[in-house]
C-alpha cells in the first residue's frame, strides 16, 4: 500500500514525488498475509513466490 504526493514548482509542473508506504511491512516483496491467503486457496510455495517475485527463477541447488 502506497500513496504518492506530487510536489509542484511555481508553474504548476510536478518536480518531485514523495512516496509513502503503509501497512505493516516495508512495502517491498512478499506480503505474509497475502501469501497465507494464497496458501489457503491451494497455491504451492513456488506459485506464491512467482506471484510476488515474477522475474525470479526457482531452481534446486
PDB file of N, CA and C in Angstrom:
ATOM      1  N   UNK A   1       0.845  -1.167   0.000  1.00  0.00           N
ATOM      2  CA  UNK A   1       0.000   0.000   0.000  1.00  0.00           C
ATOM      3  C   UNK A   1       0.896   1.237   0.000  1.00  0.00           C
ATOM      4  N   UNK A   2       0.726   2.075  -0.975  1.00  0.00           N
ATOM      5  CA  UNK A   2       1.488   3.325  -1.033  1.00  0.00           C
ATOM      6  C   UNK A   2       0.568   4.468  -1.444  1.00  0.00           C
ATOM      7  N   UNK A   3       0.973   5.655  -1.160  1.00  0.00           N
ATOM      8  CA  UNK A   3       0.346   6.816  -1.759  1.00  0.00           C
ATOM      9  C   UNK A   3       1.436   7.780  -2.174  1.00  0.00           C
ATOM     10  N   UNK A   4       1.152   8.519  -3.237  1.00  0.00           N
ATOM     11  CA  UNK A   4       2.154   9.378  -3.863  1.00  0.00           C
ATOM     12  C   UNK A   4       1.697  10.825  -3.763  1.00  0.00           C
ATOM     13  N   UNK A   5       2.584  11.672  -3.272  1.00  0.00           N
ATOM     14  CA  UNK A   5       2.282  13.097  -3.115  1.00  0.00           C
ATOM     15  C   UNK A   5       3.180  13.901  -4.052  1.00  0.00           C
ATOM     16  N   UNK A   6       2.624  14.420  -5.151  1.00  0.00           N
ATOM     17  CA  UNK A   6       3.451  15.204  -6.069  1.00  0.00           C
ATOM     18  C   UNK A   6       3.811  16.565  -5.463  1.00  0.00           C
ATOM     19  N   UNK A   7       5.012  17.028  -5.769  1.00  0.00           N
ATOM     20  CA  UNK A   7       5.479  18.346  -5.345  1.00  0.00           C
ATOM     21  C   UNK A   7       5.604  19.205  -6.610  1.00  0.00           C
ATOM     22  N   UNK A   8       4.907  20.327  -6.632  1.00  0.00           N
ATOM     23  CA  UNK A   8       4.818  21.146  -7.833  1.00  0.00           C
ATOM     24  C   UNK A   8       5.716  22.379  -7.733  1.00  0.00           C
ATOM     25  N   UNK A   9       6.243  22.796  -8.899  1.00  0.00           N
ATOM     26  CA  UNK A   9       7.019  24.041  -8.935  1.00  0.00           C
ATOM     27  C   UNK A   9       6.055  25.221  -9.077  1.00  0.00           C
ATOM     28  N   UNK A  10       6.592  26.422  -9.176  1.00  0.00           N
ATOM     29  CA  UNK A  10       5.754  27.627  -9.245  1.00  0.00           C
ATOM     30  C   UNK A  10       4.878  27.680 -10.498  1.00  0.00           C
ATOM     31  N   UNK A  11       5.268  26.964 -11.545  1.00  0.00           N
ATOM     32  CA  UNK A  11       4.481  26.934 -12.774  1.00  0.00           C
ATOM     33  C   UNK A  11       3.392  25.849 -12.740  1.00  0.00           C
ATOM     34  N   UNK A  12       3.354  25.089 -11.663  1.00  0.00           N
ATOM     35  CA  UNK A  12       2.351  24.051 -11.535  1.00  0.00           C
ATOM     36  C   UNK A  12       2.753  22.696 -12.094  1.00  0.00           C
ATOM     37  N   UNK A  13       4.006  22.574 -12.478  1.00  0.00           N
ATOM     38  CA  UNK A  13       4.504  21.294 -13.010  1.00  0.00           C
ATOM     39  C   UNK A  13       5.049  20.444 -11.869  1.00  0.00           C
ATOM     40  N   UNK A  14       4.797  19.138 -11.904  1.00  0.00           N
ATOM     41  CA  UNK A  14       5.369  18.292 -10.850  1.00  0.00           C
ATOM     42  C   UNK A  14       6.891  18.219 -10.984  1.00  0.00           C
ATOM     43  N   UNK A  15       7.584  18.454  -9.878  1.00  0.00           N
ATOM     44  CA  UNK A  15       9.044  18.422  -9.871  1.00  0.00           C
ATOM     45  C   UNK A  15       9.589  17.179  -9.199  1.00  0.00           C
ATOM     46  N   UNK A  16       8.890  16.707  -8.205  1.00  0.00           N
ATOM     47  CA  UNK A  16       9.302  15.507  -7.493  1.00  0.00           C
ATOM     48  C   UNK A  16       8.076  14.869  -6.861  1.00  0.00           C
ATOM     49  N   UNK A  17       8.262  13.671  -6.377  1.00  0.00           N
ATOM     50  CA  UNK A  17       7.168  12.931  -5.767  1.00  0.00           C
ATOM     51  C   UNK A  17       7.637  12.361  -4.432  1.00  0.00           C
ATOM     52  N   UNK A  18       6.809  12.500  -3.426  1.00  0.00           N
ATOM     53  CA  UNK A  18       7.075  11.868  -2.141  1.00  0.00           C
ATOM     54  C   UNK A  18       6.196  10.622  -2.099  1.00  0.00           C
ATOM     55  N   UNK A  19       6.819   9.477  -1.849  1.00  0.00           N
ATOM     56  CA  UNK A  19       6.100   8.210  -1.831  1.00  0.00           C
ATOM     57  C   UNK A  19       6.075   7.690  -0.399  1.00  0.00           C
ATOM     58  N   UNK A  20       4.876   7.483   0.111  1.00  0.00           N
ATOM     59  CA  UNK A  20       4.682   6.979   1.462  1.00  0.00           C
ATOM     60  C   UNK A  20       4.242   5.524   1.396  1.00  0.00           C
ATOM     61  N   UNK A  21       4.792   4.713   2.262  1.00  0.00           N
ATOM     62  CA  UNK A  21       4.379   3.318   2.368  1.00  0.00           C
ATOM     63  C   UNK A  21       3.441   3.138   3.547  1.00  0.00           C
ATOM     64  N   UNK A  22       2.585   2.146   3.436  1.00  0.00           N
ATOM     65  CA  UNK A  22       1.658   1.871   4.520  1.00  0.00           C
ATOM     66  C   UNK A  22       1.602   0.388   4.814  1.00  0.00           C
ATOM     67  N   UNK A  23       0.707   0.014   5.664  1.00  0.00           N
ATOM     68  CA  UNK A  23       0.577  -1.390   6.028  1.00  0.00           C
ATOM     69  C   UNK A  23       1.524  -1.738   7.160  1.00  0.00           C
ATOM     70  N   UNK A  24       1.783  -3.020   7.326  1.00  0.00           N
ATOM     71  CA  UNK A  24       2.609  -3.473   8.437  1.00  0.00           C
ATOM     72  C   UNK A  24       4.050  -3.709   8.041  1.00  0.00           C
ATOM     73  N   UNK A  25       4.336  -3.797   6.774  1.00  0.00           N
ATOM     74  CA  UNK A  25       5.682  -4.178   6.354  1.00  0.00           C
ATOM     75  C   UNK A  25       6.456  -3.021   5.770  1.00  0.00           C
ATOM     76  N   UNK A  26       7.486  -3.376   5.033  1.00  0.00           N
ATOM     77  CA  UNK A  26       8.370  -2.388   4.429  1.00  0.00           C
ATOM     78  C   UNK A  26       7.879  -1.946   3.062  1.00  0.00           C
ATOM     79  N   UNK A  27       6.828  -2.595   2.532  1.00  0.00           N
ATOM     80  CA  UNK A  27       6.254  -2.188   1.251  1.00  0.00           C
ATOM     81  C   UNK A  27       6.930  -2.786   0.037  1.00  0.00           C
ATOM     82  N   UNK A  28       7.847  -3.702   0.247  1.00  0.00           N
ATOM     83  CA  UNK A  28       8.554  -4.320  -0.861  1.00  0.00           C
ATOM     84  C   UNK A  28       8.567  -5.825  -0.634  1.00  0.00           C
ATOM     85  N   UNK A  29       8.270  -6.573  -1.679  1.00  0.00           N
ATOM     86  CA  UNK A  29       8.417  -8.017  -1.575  1.00  0.00           C
ATOM     87  C   UNK A  29       7.152  -8.741  -1.175  1.00  0.00           C
ATOM     88  N   UNK A  30       7.330  -9.823  -0.445  1.00  0.00           N
ATOM     89  CA  UNK A  30       6.269 -10.754  -0.131  1.00  0.00           C
ATOM     90  C   UNK A  30       5.433 -10.272   1.043  1.00  0.00           C
ATOM     91  N   UNK A  31       4.128 -10.277   0.864  1.00  0.00           N
ATOM     92  CA  UNK A  31       3.181  -9.946   1.931  1.00  0.00           C
ATOM     93  C   UNK A  31       2.810 -11.245   2.638  1.00  0.00           C
ATOM     94  N   UNK A  32       3.099 -11.344   3.923  1.00  0.00           N
ATOM     95  CA  UNK A  32       2.825 -12.573   4.657  1.00  0.00           C
ATOM     96  C   UNK A  32       1.334 -12.882   4.713  1.00  0.00           C
ATOM     97  N   UNK A  33       0.514 -11.872   4.881  1.00  0.00           N
ATOM     98  CA  UNK A  33      -0.937 -12.088   4.926  1.00  0.00           C
ATOM     99  C   UNK A  33      -1.433 -12.558   3.564  1.00  0.00           C
ATOM    100  N   UNK A  34      -0.954 -11.932   2.502  1.00  0.00           N
ATOM    101  CA  UNK A  34      -1.340 -12.340   1.155  1.00  0.00           C
ATOM    102  C   UNK A  34      -0.855 -13.727   0.813  1.00  0.00           C
ATOM    103  N   UNK A  35       0.382 -14.060   1.212  1.00  0.00           N
ATOM    104  CA  UNK A  35       0.929 -15.391   0.963  1.00  0.00           C
ATOM    105  C   UNK A  35       0.116 -16.452   1.707  1.00  0.00           C
ATOM    106  N   UNK A  36      -0.298 -16.145   2.921  1.00  0.00           N
ATOM    107  CA  UNK A  36      -1.128 -17.068   3.690  1.00  0.00           C
ATOM    108  C   UNK A  36      -2.458 -17.297   2.980  1.00  0.00           C
ATOM    109  N   UNK A  37      -3.050 -16.214   2.461  1.00  0.00           N
ATOM    110  CA  UNK A  37      -4.304 -16.343   1.718  1.00  0.00           C
ATOM    111  C   UNK A  37      -4.145 -17.192   0.468  1.00  0.00           C
ATOM    112  N   UNK A  38      -3.044 -17.015  -0.243  1.00  0.00           N
ATOM    113  CA  UNK A  38      -2.789 -17.823  -1.438  1.00  0.00           C
ATOM    114  C   UNK A  38      -2.596 -19.292  -1.065  1.00  0.00           C
ATOM    115  N   UNK A  39      -1.902 -19.533   0.053  1.00  0.00           N
ATOM    116  CA  UNK A  39      -1.711 -20.917   0.511  1.00  0.00           C
ATOM    117  C   UNK A  39      -3.049 -21.544   0.899  1.00  0.00           C
ATOM    118  N   UNK A  40      -3.893 -20.783   1.581  1.00  0.00           N
ATOM    119  CA  UNK A  40      -5.229 -21.274   1.938  1.00  0.00           C
ATOM    120  C   UNK A  40      -6.062 -21.581   0.700  1.00  0.00           C
ATOM    121  N   UNK A  41      -5.775 -20.855  -0.392  1.00  0.00           N
ATOM    122  CA  UNK A  41      -6.504 -21.071  -1.644  1.00  0.00           C
ATOM    123  C   UNK A  41      -5.922 -22.234  -2.447  1.00  0.00           C
ATOM    124  N   UNK A  42      -4.903 -22.897  -1.881  1.00  0.00           N
ATOM    125  CA  UNK A  42      -4.358 -24.081  -2.525  1.00  0.00           C
ATOM    126  C   UNK A  42      -3.136 -23.856  -3.392  1.00  0.00           C
ATOM    127  N   UNK A  43      -2.572 -22.650  -3.368  1.00  0.00           N
ATOM    128  CA  UNK A  43      -1.371 -22.383  -4.166  1.00  0.00           C
ATOM    129  C   UNK A  43      -0.148 -23.026  -3.519  1.00  0.00           C
ATOM    130  N   UNK A  44       0.783 -23.492  -4.336  1.00  0.00           N
ATOM    131  CA  UNK A  44       2.013 -24.099  -3.841  1.00  0.00           C
ATOM    132  C   UNK A  44       3.028 -22.995  -3.512  1.00  0.00           C
ATOM    133  N   UNK A  45       4.110 -23.377  -2.814  1.00  0.00           N
ATOM    134  CA  UNK A  45       5.116 -22.376  -2.444  1.00  0.00           C
ATOM    135  C   UNK A  45       5.724 -21.707  -3.666  1.00  0.00           C
ATOM    136  N   UNK A  46       5.953 -22.497  -4.748  1.00  0.00           N
ATOM    137  CA  UNK A  46       6.570 -21.886  -5.932  1.00  0.00           C
ATOM    138  C   UNK A  46       5.586 -20.976  -6.662  1.00  0.00           C
ATOM    139  N   UNK A  47       4.301 -21.292  -6.635  1.00  0.00           N
ATOM    140  CA  UNK A  47       3.308 -20.390  -7.236  1.00  0.00           C
ATOM    141  C   UNK A  47       3.232 -19.085  -6.442  1.00  0.00           C
ATOM    142  N   UNK A  48       3.313 -19.181  -5.133  1.00  0.00           N
ATOM    143  CA  UNK A  48       3.262 -17.986  -4.275  1.00  0.00           C
ATOM    144  C   UNK A  48       4.501 -17.123  -4.510  1.00  0.00           C
ATOM    145  N   UNK A  49       5.676 -17.741  -4.558  1.00  0.00           N
ATOM    146  CA  UNK A  49       6.896 -16.972  -4.801  1.00  0.00           C
ATOM    147  C   UNK A  49       6.874 -16.305  -6.168  1.00  0.00           C
ATOM    148  N   UNK A  50       6.374 -17.004  -7.186  1.00  0.00           N
ATOM    149  CA  UNK A  50       6.285 -16.422  -8.532  1.00  0.00           C
ATOM    150  C   UNK A  50       5.288 -15.263  -8.571  1.00  0.00           C
ATOM    151  N   UNK A  51       4.257 -15.342  -7.744  1.00  0.00           N
ATOM    152  CA  UNK A  51       3.285 -14.245  -7.670  1.00  0.00           C
ATOM    153  C   UNK A  51       3.952 -12.956  -7.195  1.00  0.00           C
ATOM    154  N   UNK A  52       4.783 -13.054  -6.170  1.00  0.00           N
ATOM    155  CA  UNK A  52       5.422 -11.870  -5.593  1.00  0.00           C
ATOM    156  C   UNK A  52       6.731 -11.479  -6.279  1.00  0.00           C
ATOM    157  N   UNK A  53       7.409 -12.453  -6.859  1.00  0.00           N
ATOM    158  CA  UNK A  53       8.694 -12.206  -7.500  1.00  0.00           C
ATOM    159  C   UNK A  53       8.675 -12.814  -8.906  1.00  0.00           C
ATOM    160  N   UNK A  54       7.908 -12.208  -9.831  1.00  0.00           N
ATOM    161  CA  UNK A  54       7.695 -12.826 -11.147  1.00  0.00           C
ATOM    162  C   UNK A  54       8.960 -13.012 -11.994  1.00  0.00           C
ATOM    163  N   UNK A  55       9.987 -12.242 -11.748  1.00  0.00           N
ATOM    164  CA  UNK A  55      11.213 -12.373 -12.544  1.00  0.00           C
ATOM    165  C   UNK A  55      12.233 -13.316 -11.909  1.00  0.00           C
ATOM    166  N   UNK A  56      11.910 -13.833 -10.731  1.00  0.00           N
ATOM    167  CA  UNK A  56      12.838 -14.734 -10.043  1.00  0.00           C
ATOM    168  C   UNK A  56      12.797 -16.115 -10.682  1.00  0.00           C
ATOM    169  N   UNK A  57      13.910 -16.792 -10.601  1.00  0.00           N
ATOM    170  CA  UNK A  57      13.997 -18.165 -11.071  1.00  0.00           C
ATOM    171  C   UNK A  57      14.202 -19.068  -9.862  1.00  0.00           C
ATOM    172  N   UNK A  58      13.350 -20.071  -9.762  1.00  0.00           N
ATOM    173  CA  UNK A  58      13.450 -21.022  -8.666  1.00  0.00           C
ATOM    174  C   UNK A  58      14.126 -22.279  -9.201  1.00  0.00           C
ATOM    175  N   UNK A  59      15.239 -22.643  -8.558  1.00  0.00           N
ATOM    176  CA  UNK A  59      15.951 -23.828  -9.025  1.00  0.00           C
ATOM    177  C   UNK A  59      16.556 -24.569  -7.838  1.00  0.00           C
ATOM    178  N   UNK A  60      16.718 -25.849  -7.986  1.00  0.00           N
ATOM    179  CA  UNK A  60      17.305 -26.681  -6.958  1.00  0.00           C
ATOM    180  C   UNK A  60      18.827 -26.573  -7.044  1.00  0.00           C
ATOM    181  N   UNK A  61      19.469 -26.362  -5.919  1.00  0.00           N
ATOM    182  CA  UNK A  61      20.931 -26.254  -5.877  1.00  0.00           C
ATOM    183  C   UNK A  61      21.541 -27.544  -5.358  1.00  0.00           C
TER     184      UNK A  61
END
